[in-house]
Amino acid sequence: MQYLSLRKENLVGYVTINRPPANALASGVIEEVSLVLDEVEKDDEIRVLLFHGEGRFFSAGADIKEFTSVKNEADFEKLGANGQEVFERMENFPKPIIAAIHGAALGGGLELAMACHIRYVSENAKLGLPELQLGLVPGFAGSQRLPRYVGVAKAAEMLLTSDPISGTEAVAWGLANAAFTEDAVFEEAEKLAQKVAQKSPIAMKAAIELLNYAKDGRFEEGVKREAELFGEVFMSEDGQEGISAFIEKRKPNFIGK
């Protein structure tokens, strides 16, 4: 794999995201997440997965430059739907998945983290969905998962302002389980992973299945509609302007079309 690495030790699989400089979530990264899940699902020597990022960030968003290669609405919708499928598989994965977040988990990076079962964060990490700043909307089920964690009102504020919250705030709002110093977050997540790994694999699989019954009945409808709107908004003039402005490092001029 080009962007992810997997090592196993003491029943824990450590997945490192390494796509400098920001560990942006390109389609190739999502494809490799799926490959990791394929490998881990059949490996009895891995009971728990721990995702973390190499370098300064967990993952600072999707690969915006990759978006410029998408030529039509259907292809962009397909891009979103593919990410949704992989992240849904993560949420339903029979082995617990933990995210150790430092630096930033933004956009697609936060959507990846929200698909994990447990999130440990550094106190000063930035977590958010800034897609509206680019004239877009989240595409990997972020619009559906975020309200489940922080409530609809806070999710609306985060989406509509594009402002991130800190790791400490994420714990207060229910988006993360616990916050630690930057130096300690991975170590604490590792301790948690090793503790969880001592549990019965059969019982853990059953517990994850039961937890997913707590989903709202309209979740599937919401993520399907999100993929549709992901494509529509991307092909709008505002969507194209937001991406161009990001690449050109200037303020976007949105016109509502």
C-alpha atoms as a PDB file:
ATOM      1  CA  MET A   1       0.000   0.000   0.000  1.00  0.00           C
ATOM      2  CA  GLN A   2       1.164   3.506  -0.814  1.00  0.00           C
ATOM      3  CA  TYR A   3      -0.556   5.621   1.852  1.00  0.00           C
ATOM      4  CA  LEU A   4      -1.348   3.277   4.734  1.00  0.00           C
ATOM      5  CA  SER A   5       0.769   0.845   6.679  1.00  0.00           C
ATOM      6  CA  LEU A   6      -0.406  -1.928   8.971  1.00  0.00           C
ATOM      7  CA  ARG A   7       1.555  -3.593  11.730  1.00  0.00           C
ATOM      8  CA  LYS A   8       0.265  -5.905  14.418  1.00  0.00           C
ATOM      9  CA  GLU A   9       1.375  -6.382  17.989  1.00  0.00           C
ATOM     10  CA  ASN A  10      -0.342  -7.893  21.019  1.00  0.00           C
ATOM     11  CA  LEU A  11      -3.644  -8.419  19.153  1.00  0.00           C
ATOM     12  CA  VAL A  12      -3.763  -4.764  18.011  1.00  0.00           C
ATOM     13  CA  GLY A  13      -3.461  -3.673  14.388  1.00  0.00           C
ATOM     14  CA  TYR A  14      -1.833  -0.252  14.011  1.00  0.00           C
ATOM     15  CA  VAL A  15      -2.887   1.604  10.862  1.00  0.00           C
ATOM     16  CA  THR A  16      -0.744   4.628  10.027  1.00  0.00           C
ATOM     17  CA  ILE A  17      -1.917   7.229   7.504  1.00  0.00           C
ATOM     18  CA  ASN A  18       1.145   8.599   5.711  1.00  0.00           C
ATOM     19  CA  ARG A  19       0.347  10.941   2.847  1.00  0.00           C
ATOM     20  CA  PRO A  20       2.362  14.131   3.451  1.00  0.00           C
ATOM     21  CA  PRO A  21       1.961  16.916   4.125  1.00  0.00           C
ATOM     22  CA  ALA A  22      -1.614  16.739   5.477  1.00  0.00           C
ATOM     23  CA  ASN A  23      -2.622  13.067   5.125  1.00  0.00           C
ATOM     24  CA  ALA A  24      -5.394  14.257   2.798  1.00  0.00           C
ATOM     25  CA  LEU A  25      -8.069  11.662   2.172  1.00  0.00           C
ATOM     26  CA  ALA A  26      -7.643  11.019  -1.549  1.00  0.00           C
ATOM     27  CA  SER A  27      -9.643   8.231  -3.184  1.00  0.00           C
ATOM     28  CA  GLY A  28      -6.498   6.098  -3.067  1.00  0.00           C
ATOM     29  CA  VAL A  29      -6.401   6.396   0.721  1.00  0.00           C
ATOM     30  CA  ILE A  30     -10.043   5.329   1.006  1.00  0.00           C
ATOM     31  CA  GLU A  31      -9.333   2.380  -1.283  1.00  0.00           C
ATOM     32  CA  GLU A  32      -6.469   1.331   0.972  1.00  0.00           C
ATOM     33  CA  VAL A  33      -8.688   1.611   4.065  1.00  0.00           C
ATOM     34  CA  SER A  34     -10.923  -0.951   2.378  1.00  0.00           C
ATOM     35  CA  LEU A  35      -7.910  -3.183   1.690  1.00  0.00           C
ATOM     36  CA  VAL A  36      -6.854  -2.948   5.337  1.00  0.00           C
ATOM     37  CA  LEU A  37     -10.324  -3.986   6.453  1.00  0.00           C
ATOM     38  CA  ASP A  38     -10.189  -6.966   4.057  1.00  0.00           C
ATOM     39  CA  GLU A  39      -6.893  -8.085   5.563  1.00  0.00           C
ATOM     40  CA  VAL A  40      -7.807  -7.508   9.205  1.00  0.00           C
ATOM     41  CA  GLU A  41     -11.208  -9.161   8.999  1.00  0.00           C
ATOM     42  CA  LYS A  42      -9.623 -12.548   8.289  1.00  0.00           C
ATOM     43  CA  ASP A  43      -6.636 -12.149  10.642  1.00  0.00           C
ATOM     44  CA  ASP A  44      -7.354 -13.730  14.030  1.00  0.00           C
ATOM     45  CA  GLU A  45      -4.172 -12.172  15.420  1.00  0.00           C
ATOM     46  CA  ILE A  46      -5.777  -8.715  15.186  1.00  0.00           C
ATOM     47  CA  ARG A  47      -8.736  -8.028  17.476  1.00  0.00           C
ATOM     48  CA  VAL A  48      -8.661  -4.210  17.528  1.00  0.00           C
ATOM     49  CA  LEU A  49      -7.627  -1.586  14.965  1.00  0.00           C
ATOM     50  CA  LEU A  50      -5.967   1.706  15.917  1.00  0.00           C
ATOM     51  CA  PHE A  51      -5.867   4.441  13.257  1.00  0.00           C
ATOM     52  CA  HIS A  52      -3.436   7.354  13.592  1.00  0.00           C
ATOM     53  CA  GLY A  53      -1.693   9.828  11.329  1.00  0.00           C
ATOM     54  CA  GLU A  54       2.008  10.273  10.617  1.00  0.00           C
ATOM     55  CA  GLY A  55       3.411  13.793  10.863  1.00  0.00           C
ATOM     56  CA  ARG A  56       1.498  16.883  11.950  1.00  0.00           C
ATOM     57  CA  PHE A  57      -2.085  15.695  11.408  1.00  0.00           C
ATOM     58  CA  PHE A  58      -4.450  12.786  11.729  1.00  0.00           C
ATOM     59  CA  SER A  59      -5.973  13.877   8.409  1.00  0.00           C
ATOM     60  CA  ALA A  60      -6.571  17.497   7.458  1.00  0.00           C
ATOM     61  CA  GLY A  61      -9.311  16.848   4.911  1.00  0.00           C
ATOM     62  CA  ALA A  62     -10.089  15.493   1.479  1.00  0.00           C
ATOM     63  CA  ASP A  63      -7.755  15.983  -1.475  1.00  0.00           C
ATOM     64  CA  ILE A  64      -9.288  19.110  -3.043  1.00  0.00           C
ATOM     65  CA  LYS A  65      -6.913  19.049  -5.996  1.00  0.00           C
ATOM     66  CA  GLU A  66      -8.181  15.570  -6.854  1.00  0.00           C
ATOM     67  CA  PHE A  67     -11.671  17.047  -7.181  1.00  0.00           C
ATOM     68  CA  THR A  68     -10.553  19.071 -10.193  1.00  0.00           C
ATOM     69  CA  SER A  69     -10.120  15.859 -12.183  1.00  0.00           C
ATOM     70  CA  VAL A  70     -13.802  14.949 -11.744  1.00  0.00           C
ATOM     71  CA  LYS A  71     -15.671  16.024 -14.865  1.00  0.00           C
ATOM     72  CA  ASN A  72     -19.345  15.423 -14.128  1.00  0.00           C
ATOM     73  CA  GLU A  73     -21.917  15.204 -11.363  1.00  0.00           C
ATOM     74  CA  ALA A  74     -22.385  11.423 -11.593  1.00  0.00           C
ATOM     75  CA  ASP A  75     -18.669  10.753 -11.088  1.00  0.00           C
ATOM     76  CA  PHE A  76     -18.516  13.089  -8.107  1.00  0.00           C
ATOM     77  CA  GLU A  77     -21.592  11.455  -6.589  1.00  0.00           C
ATOM     78  CA  LYS A  78     -19.894   8.087  -7.099  1.00  0.00           C
ATOM     79  CA  LEU A  79     -16.797   9.396  -5.293  1.00  0.00           C
ATOM     80  CA  GLY A  80     -18.943  10.321  -2.298  1.00  0.00           C
ATOM     81  CA  ALA A  81     -20.900   7.076  -2.343  1.00  0.00           C
ATOM     82  CA  ASN A  82     -17.684   5.040  -2.394  1.00  0.00           C
ATOM     83  CA  GLY A  83     -16.350   6.849   0.679  1.00  0.00           C
ATOM     84  CA  GLN A  84     -19.686   6.374   2.412  1.00  0.00           C
ATOM     85  CA  GLU A  85     -19.603   2.643   1.710  1.00  0.00           C
ATOM     86  CA  VAL A  86     -16.114   2.197   3.165  1.00  0.00           C
ATOM     87  CA  PHE A  87     -16.897   4.287   6.249  1.00  0.00           C
ATOM     88  CA  GLU A  88     -20.176   2.449   6.793  1.00  0.00           C
ATOM     89  CA  ARG A  89     -18.209  -0.782   6.680  1.00  0.00           C
ATOM     90  CA  MET A  90     -15.900   0.639   9.346  1.00  0.00           C
ATOM     91  CA  GLU A  91     -18.809   1.512  11.619  1.00  0.00           C
ATOM     92  CA  ASN A  92     -20.212  -2.002  11.237  1.00  0.00           C
ATOM     93  CA  PHE A  93     -16.825  -3.737  11.309  1.00  0.00           C
ATOM     94  CA  PRO A  94     -16.850  -6.777  13.654  1.00  0.00           C
ATOM     95  CA  LYS A  95     -13.628  -5.639  15.343  1.00  0.00           C
ATOM     96  CA  PRO A  96     -13.422  -2.373  17.328  1.00  0.00           C
ATOM     97  CA  ILE A  97     -11.749   0.565  15.564  1.00  0.00           C
ATOM     98  CA  ILE A  98     -10.141   3.367  17.572  1.00  0.00           C
ATOM     99  CA  ALA A  99      -8.885   6.701  16.220  1.00  0.00           C
ATOM    100  CA  ALA A 100      -5.973   8.522  17.875  1.00  0.00           C
ATOM    101  CA  ILE A 101      -6.359  12.098  16.615  1.00  0.00           C
ATOM    102  CA  HIS A 102      -3.683  14.767  16.815  1.00  0.00           C
ATOM    103  CA  GLY A 103      -3.198  18.024  14.925  1.00  0.00           C
ATOM    104  CA  ALA A 104      -6.388  18.056  12.908  1.00  0.00           C
ATOM    105  CA  ALA A 105      -9.238  15.884  11.678  1.00  0.00           C
ATOM    106  CA  LEU A 106     -11.038  18.045   9.144  1.00  0.00           C
ATOM    107  CA  GLY A 107     -13.489  17.302   6.358  1.00  0.00           C
ATOM    108  CA  GLY A 108     -12.923  13.777   5.113  1.00  0.00           C
ATOM    109  CA  GLY A 109     -10.456  13.248   7.951  1.00  0.00           C
ATOM    110  CA  LEU A 110     -13.174  13.849  10.530  1.00  0.00           C
ATOM    111  CA  GLU A 111     -15.595  11.702   8.532  1.00  0.00           C
ATOM    112  CA  LEU A 112     -13.050   8.865   8.742  1.00  0.00           C
ATOM    113  CA  ALA A 113     -12.660   9.440  12.495  1.00  0.00           C
ATOM    114  CA  MET A 114     -16.441   9.504  13.034  1.00  0.00           C
ATOM    115  CA  ALA A 115     -16.697   6.092  11.381  1.00  0.00           C
ATOM    116  CA  CYS A 116     -14.433   4.672  14.098  1.00  0.00           C
ATOM    117  CA  HIS A 117     -16.060   3.305  17.239  1.00  0.00           C
ATOM    118  CA  ILE A 118     -13.953   5.336  19.697  1.00  0.00           C
ATOM    119  CA  ARG A 119     -12.011   8.594  19.323  1.00  0.00           C
ATOM    120  CA  TYR A 120      -9.174   9.811  21.541  1.00  0.00           C
ATOM    121  CA  VAL A 121      -7.949  13.332  20.709  1.00  0.00           C
ATOM    122  CA  SER A 122      -5.205  15.740  21.619  1.00  0.00           C
ATOM    123  CA  GLU A 123      -6.528  18.706  23.576  1.00  0.00           C
ATOM    124  CA  ASN A 124      -5.593  21.253  20.918  1.00  0.00           C
ATOM    125  CA  ALA A 125      -6.549  19.216  17.864  1.00  0.00           C
ATOM    126  CA  LYS A 126      -8.935  20.853  15.404  1.00  0.00           C
ATOM    127  CA  LEU A 127     -12.025  18.893  14.401  1.00  0.00           C
ATOM    128  CA  GLY A 128     -14.529  20.174  11.869  1.00  0.00           C
ATOM    129  CA  LEU A 129     -16.327  19.913   8.557  1.00  0.00           C
ATOM    130  CA  PRO A 130     -15.296  23.037   6.589  1.00  0.00           C
ATOM    131  CA  GLU A 131     -16.757  21.972   3.228  1.00  0.00           C
ATOM    132  CA  LEU A 132     -19.186  24.908   3.020  1.00  0.00           C
ATOM    133  CA  GLN A 133     -16.190  27.228   2.965  1.00  0.00           C
ATOM    134  CA  LEU A 134     -15.425  25.688  -0.447  1.00  0.00           C
ATOM    135  CA  GLY A 135     -19.015  25.933  -1.617  1.00  0.00           C
ATOM    136  CA  LEU A 136     -19.497  22.201  -1.050  1.00  0.00           C
ATOM    137  CA  VAL A 137     -21.135  19.854   1.476  1.00  0.00           C
ATOM    138  CA  PRO A 138     -19.666  16.811   3.235  1.00  0.00           C
ATOM    139  CA  GLY A 139     -19.676  13.720   1.046  1.00  0.00           C
ATOM    140  CA  PHE A 140     -18.676  10.759   3.223  1.00  0.00           C
ATOM    141  CA  ALA A 141     -21.733  10.726   5.536  1.00  0.00           C
ATOM    142  CA  GLY A 142     -20.416  13.551   7.714  1.00  0.00           C
ATOM    143  CA  SER A 143     -23.721  15.416   7.563  1.00  0.00           C
ATOM    144  CA  GLN A 144     -25.414  12.362   9.075  1.00  0.00           C
ATOM    145  CA  ARG A 145     -22.849  11.230  11.643  1.00  0.00           C
ATOM    146  CA  LEU A 146     -21.959  14.621  13.134  1.00  0.00           C
ATOM    147  CA  PRO A 147     -25.508  15.379  14.453  1.00  0.00           C
ATOM    148  CA  ARG A 148     -25.588  11.940  16.070  1.00  0.00           C
ATOM    149  CA  TYR A 149     -22.580  12.894  18.185  1.00  0.00           C
ATOM    150  CA  VAL A 150     -22.994  16.617  18.899  1.00  0.00           C
ATOM    151  CA  GLY A 151     -26.721  17.203  18.280  1.00  0.00           C
ATOM    152  CA  VAL A 152     -28.398  18.938  15.370  1.00  0.00           C
ATOM    153  CA  ALA A 153     -27.914  22.512  16.633  1.00  0.00           C
ATOM    154  CA  LYS A 154     -24.152  22.188  17.199  1.00  0.00           C
ATOM    155  CA  ALA A 155     -23.757  20.292  13.930  1.00  0.00           C
ATOM    156  CA  ALA A 156     -25.574  23.102  12.128  1.00  0.00           C
ATOM    157  CA  GLU A 157     -23.230  25.652  13.693  1.00  0.00           C
ATOM    158  CA  MET A 158     -20.135  23.677  12.727  1.00  0.00           C
ATOM    159  CA  LEU A 159     -21.325  23.088   9.165  1.00  0.00           C
ATOM    160  CA  LEU A 160     -22.634  26.579   8.470  1.00  0.00           C
ATOM    161  CA  THR A 161     -19.681  28.462   9.970  1.00  0.00           C
ATOM    162  CA  SER A 162     -17.005  25.936   8.899  1.00  0.00           C
ATOM    163  CA  ASP A 163     -15.369  26.642  12.271  1.00  0.00           C
ATOM    164  CA  PRO A 164     -13.572  23.681  13.892  1.00  0.00           C
ATOM    165  CA  ILE A 165     -13.752  22.824  17.568  1.00  0.00           C
ATOM    166  CA  SER A 166     -10.816  21.811  19.771  1.00  0.00           C
ATOM    167  CA  GLY A 167     -10.199  18.335  21.071  1.00  0.00           C
ATOM    168  CA  THR A 168     -11.268  19.456  24.536  1.00  0.00           C
ATOM    169  CA  GLU A 169     -14.514  20.862  23.117  1.00  0.00           C
ATOM    170  CA  ALA A 170     -15.044  17.673  21.112  1.00  0.00           C
ATOM    171  CA  VAL A 171     -15.078  15.674  24.346  1.00  0.00           C
ATOM    172  CA  ALA A 172     -17.532  18.110  25.940  1.00  0.00           C
ATOM    173  CA  TRP A 173     -19.861  17.813  22.927  1.00  0.00           C
ATOM    174  CA  GLY A 174     -19.657  14.018  22.696  1.00  0.00           C
ATOM    175  CA  LEU A 175     -17.650  13.890  19.470  1.00  0.00           C
ATOM    176  CA  ALA A 176     -14.618  12.360  21.213  1.00  0.00           C
ATOM    177  CA  ASN A 177     -14.217  10.070  24.196  1.00  0.00           C
ATOM    178  CA  ALA A 178     -11.250  11.676  25.930  1.00  0.00           C
ATOM    179  CA  ALA A 179      -8.614  14.382  25.377  1.00  0.00           C
ATOM    180  CA  PHE A 180      -4.923  14.262  26.261  1.00  0.00           C
ATOM    181  CA  THR A 181      -1.795  16.258  25.587  1.00  0.00           C
ATOM    182  CA  GLU A 182      -0.351  15.965  22.099  1.00  0.00           C
ATOM    183  CA  ASP A 183       2.474  13.777  23.401  1.00  0.00           C
ATOM    184  CA  ALA A 184       0.173  11.424  25.294  1.00  0.00           C
ATOM    185  CA  VAL A 185      -2.787  10.843  22.974  1.00  0.00           C
ATOM    186  CA  PHE A 186      -1.316   7.949  20.990  1.00  0.00           C
ATOM    187  CA  GLU A 187       0.013   6.228  24.112  1.00  0.00           C
ATOM    188  CA  GLU A 188      -3.391   6.506  25.806  1.00  0.00           C
ATOM    189  CA  ALA A 189      -5.174   5.207  22.709  1.00  0.00           C
ATOM    190  CA  GLU A 190      -2.725   2.312  22.594  1.00  0.00           C
ATOM    191  CA  LYS A 191      -3.478   1.450  26.230  1.00  0.00           C
ATOM    192  CA  LEU A 192      -7.185   1.473  25.433  1.00  0.00           C
ATOM    193  CA  ALA A 193      -6.698  -0.719  22.362  1.00  0.00           C
ATOM    194  CA  GLN A 194      -4.700  -3.274  24.352  1.00  0.00           C
ATOM    195  CA  LYS A 195      -7.347  -3.343  27.064  1.00  0.00           C
ATOM    196  CA  VAL A 196     -10.168  -3.842  24.573  1.00  0.00           C
ATOM    197  CA  ALA A 197      -8.177  -6.545  22.761  1.00  0.00           C
ATOM    198  CA  GLN A 198      -8.422  -8.760  25.851  1.00  0.00           C
ATOM    199  CA  LYS A 199     -12.174  -9.119  25.403  1.00  0.00           C
ATOM    200  CA  SER A 200     -13.856 -11.996  23.595  1.00  0.00           C
ATOM    201  CA  PRO A 201     -13.868 -11.439  19.808  1.00  0.00           C
ATOM    202  CA  ILE A 202     -17.299 -13.028  19.619  1.00  0.00           C
ATOM    203  CA  ALA A 203     -18.692 -10.750  22.321  1.00  0.00           C
ATOM    204  CA  MET A 204     -17.112  -7.663  20.736  1.00  0.00           C
ATOM    205  CA  LYS A 205     -18.611  -8.503  17.360  1.00  0.00           C
ATOM    206  CA  ALA A 206     -22.043  -8.894  18.970  1.00  0.00           C
ATOM    207  CA  ALA A 207     -21.690  -5.647  20.931  1.00  0.00           C
ATOM    208  CA  ILE A 208     -20.821  -3.666  17.789  1.00  0.00           C
ATOM    209  CA  GLU A 209     -23.807  -5.136  15.964  1.00  0.00           C
ATOM    210  CA  LEU A 210     -26.081  -4.152  18.844  1.00  0.00           C
ATOM    211  CA  LEU A 211     -24.662  -0.624  19.071  1.00  0.00           C
ATOM    212  CA  ASN A 212     -25.529  -0.064  15.428  1.00  0.00           C
ATOM    213  CA  TYR A 213     -29.209  -0.693  16.164  1.00  0.00           C
ATOM    214  CA  ALA A 214     -29.118   2.708  17.854  1.00  0.00           C
ATOM    215  CA  LYS A 215     -28.890   4.421  14.458  1.00  0.00           C
ATOM    216  CA  ASP A 216     -31.776   6.576  13.394  1.00  0.00           C
ATOM    217  CA  GLY A 217     -34.056   4.834  10.928  1.00  0.00           C
ATOM    218  CA  ARG A 218     -33.446   7.472   8.272  1.00  0.00           C
ATOM    219  CA  PHE A 219     -29.636   7.240   8.320  1.00  0.00           C
ATOM    220  CA  GLU A 220     -29.463   5.292   5.058  1.00  0.00           C
ATOM    221  CA  GLU A 221     -31.808   7.758   3.377  1.00  0.00           C
ATOM    222  CA  GLY A 222     -29.677  10.623   4.625  1.00  0.00           C
ATOM    223  CA  VAL A 223     -26.376   9.277   3.333  1.00  0.00           C
ATOM    224  CA  LYS A 224     -27.919   8.429  -0.050  1.00  0.00           C
ATOM    225  CA  ARG A 225     -29.241  11.957  -0.391  1.00  0.00           C
ATOM    226  CA  GLU A 226     -25.914  13.335   0.791  1.00  0.00           C
ATOM    227  CA  ALA A 227     -24.119  11.591  -2.088  1.00  0.00           C
ATOM    228  CA  GLU A 228     -26.622  13.057  -4.554  1.00  0.00           C
ATOM    229  CA  LEU A 229     -26.185  16.576  -3.196  1.00  0.00           C
ATOM    230  CA  PHE A 230     -22.418  16.081  -3.017  1.00  0.00           C
ATOM    231  CA  GLY A 231     -22.466  15.702  -6.799  1.00  0.00           C
ATOM    232  CA  GLU A 232     -24.981  18.495  -7.450  1.00  0.00           C
ATOM    233  CA  VAL A 233     -23.213  21.054  -5.290  1.00  0.00           C
ATOM    234  CA  PHE A 234     -19.823  20.128  -6.711  1.00  0.00           C
ATOM    235  CA  MET A 235     -20.986  20.839 -10.262  1.00  0.00           C
ATOM    236  CA  SER A 236     -22.588  24.172  -9.316  1.00  0.00           C
ATOM    237  CA  GLU A 237     -20.793  27.400 -10.160  1.00  0.00           C
ATOM    238  CA  ASP A 238     -20.214  27.997  -6.442  1.00  0.00           C
ATOM    239  CA  GLY A 239     -18.692  24.546  -6.027  1.00  0.00           C
ATOM    240  CA  GLN A 240     -16.264  25.086  -8.879  1.00  0.00           C
ATOM    241  CA  GLU A 241     -15.457  28.587  -7.625  1.00  0.00           C
ATOM    242  CA  GLY A 242     -14.723  27.300  -4.113  1.00  0.00           C
ATOM    243  CA  ILE A 243     -12.297  24.694  -5.389  1.00  0.00           C
ATOM    244  CA  SER A 244     -10.583  27.155  -7.732  1.00  0.00           C
ATOM    245  CA  ALA A 245     -10.232  29.694  -4.917  1.00  0.00           C
ATOM    246  CA  PHE A 246      -8.730  27.067  -2.612  1.00  0.00           C
ATOM    247  CA  ILE A 247      -6.136  26.032  -5.192  1.00  0.00           C
ATOM    248  CA  GLU A 248      -5.387  29.665  -6.104  1.00  0.00           C
ATOM    249  CA  LYS A 249      -5.189  30.624  -2.393  1.00  0.00           C
ATOM    250  CA  ARG A 250      -7.769  33.415  -2.596  1.00  0.00           C
ATOM    251  CA  LYS A 251     -11.145  34.179  -1.059  1.00  0.00           C
ATOM    252  CA  PRO A 252     -14.026  32.607  -3.002  1.00  0.00           C
ATOM    253  CA  ASN A 253     -16.708  34.726  -4.611  1.00  0.00           C
ATOM    254  CA  PHE A 254     -19.932  32.746  -4.251  1.00  0.00           C
ATOM    255  CA  ILE A 255     -22.933  33.833  -6.359  1.00  0.00           C
ATOM    256  CA  GLY A 256     -25.596  31.316  -5.341  1.00  0.00           C
ATOM    257  CA  LYS A 257     -25.617  29.310  -8.575  1.00  0.00           C
END
